[in-house]
Amino acid sequence: MNIRYQPNGGVQYVARAGEQLYLTGVYQDIDGVRWYELVDGNWAQGQYVRFE
């Protein structure tokens, strides 16, 4: 999954399949896409996030 420095921004790094990412609870909806903020300040696109 591409992790971005801001919603809809450029790729900061790529997370491996199955890697746990920690969210802040902050999200933004932009053009019908939900973005979740990670604790490191970067963002993940919601369609690729699985909550367990």
C-alpha atoms as a PDB file:
ATOM      1  CA  MET A   1       0.000   0.000   0.000  1.00  0.00           C
ATOM      2  CA  ASN A   2       1.270   3.459  -0.838  1.00  0.00           C
ATOM      3  CA  ILE A   3       1.569   5.691   2.220  1.00  0.00           C
ATOM      4  CA  ARG A   4       1.359   9.370   1.350  1.00  0.00           C
ATOM      5  CA  TYR A   5       2.617  12.508   3.076  1.00  0.00           C
ATOM      6  CA  GLN A   6      -0.847  14.092   2.680  1.00  0.00           C
ATOM      7  CA  PRO A   7      -4.210  12.905   1.362  1.00  0.00           C
ATOM      8  CA  ASN A   8      -3.940  12.646  -2.426  1.00  0.00           C
ATOM      9  CA  GLY A   9      -0.253  13.631  -2.139  1.00  0.00           C
ATOM     10  CA  GLY A  10       2.909  11.977  -3.341  1.00  0.00           C
ATOM     11  CA  VAL A  11       4.046   8.594  -2.078  1.00  0.00           C
ATOM     12  CA  GLN A  12       6.151   8.781   1.080  1.00  0.00           C
ATOM     13  CA  TYR A  13       6.809   5.013   1.403  1.00  0.00           C
ATOM     14  CA  VAL A  14       5.258   1.642   0.615  1.00  0.00           C
ATOM     15  CA  ALA A  15       3.851  -0.519   3.422  1.00  0.00           C
ATOM     16  CA  ARG A  16       4.269  -4.278   3.041  1.00  0.00           C
ATOM     17  CA  ALA A  17       1.268  -6.598   2.752  1.00  0.00           C
ATOM     18  CA  GLY A  18       0.029  -7.472   6.232  1.00  0.00           C
ATOM     19  CA  GLU A  19       2.038  -4.725   7.930  1.00  0.00           C
ATOM     20  CA  GLN A  20       0.229  -3.148  10.881  1.00  0.00           C
ATOM     21  CA  LEU A  21      -0.292   0.574  10.625  1.00  0.00           C
ATOM     22  CA  TYR A  22      -1.411   2.689  13.564  1.00  0.00           C
ATOM     23  CA  LEU A  23      -4.057   5.348  13.008  1.00  0.00           C
ATOM     24  CA  THR A  24      -4.710   8.584  14.890  1.00  0.00           C
ATOM     25  CA  GLY A  25      -8.491   8.446  14.431  1.00  0.00           C
ATOM     26  CA  VAL A  26      -8.399  11.450  12.096  1.00  0.00           C
ATOM     27  CA  TYR A  27      -9.716  11.000   8.575  1.00  0.00           C
ATOM     28  CA  GLN A  28     -10.635  13.131   5.576  1.00  0.00           C
ATOM     29  CA  ASP A  29     -13.034  12.479   2.715  1.00  0.00           C
ATOM     30  CA  ILE A  30     -11.714  13.913  -0.542  1.00  0.00           C
ATOM     31  CA  ASP A  31     -13.537  13.402  -3.858  1.00  0.00           C
ATOM     32  CA  GLY A  32     -15.362  10.361  -2.480  1.00  0.00           C
ATOM     33  CA  VAL A  33     -12.198   8.742  -1.108  1.00  0.00           C
ATOM     34  CA  ARG A  34     -11.592   8.349   2.640  1.00  0.00           C
ATOM     35  CA  TRP A  35      -8.038   8.927   3.881  1.00  0.00           C
ATOM     36  CA  TYR A  36      -6.811   7.906   7.347  1.00  0.00           C
ATOM     37  CA  GLU A  37      -3.999   9.677   9.179  1.00  0.00           C
ATOM     38  CA  LEU A  38      -1.242   7.453  10.583  1.00  0.00           C
ATOM     39  CA  VAL A  39       0.546   8.173  13.865  1.00  0.00           C
ATOM     40  CA  ASP A  40       3.687   9.064  11.870  1.00  0.00           C
ATOM     41  CA  GLY A  41       1.773  11.945  10.225  1.00  0.00           C
ATOM     42  CA  ASN A  42       1.363  10.252   6.846  1.00  0.00           C
ATOM     43  CA  TRP A  43      -1.890   9.089   5.217  1.00  0.00           C
ATOM     44  CA  ALA A  44      -3.356   5.820   3.899  1.00  0.00           C
ATOM     45  CA  GLN A  45      -6.213   5.486   1.417  1.00  0.00           C
ATOM     46  CA  GLY A  46      -9.240   3.952   3.119  1.00  0.00           C
ATOM     47  CA  GLN A  47     -10.008   1.281   0.541  1.00  0.00           C
ATOM     48  CA  TYR A  48      -6.739  -0.440   1.482  1.00  0.00           C
ATOM     49  CA  VAL A  49      -7.161  -0.225   5.265  1.00  0.00           C
ATOM     50  CA  ARG A  50      -8.583  -3.233   7.112  1.00  0.00           C
ATOM     51  CA  PHE A  51      -9.700  -2.837  10.701  1.00  0.00           C
ATOM     52  CA  GLU A  52      -9.203  -5.744  13.091  1.00  0.00           C
END
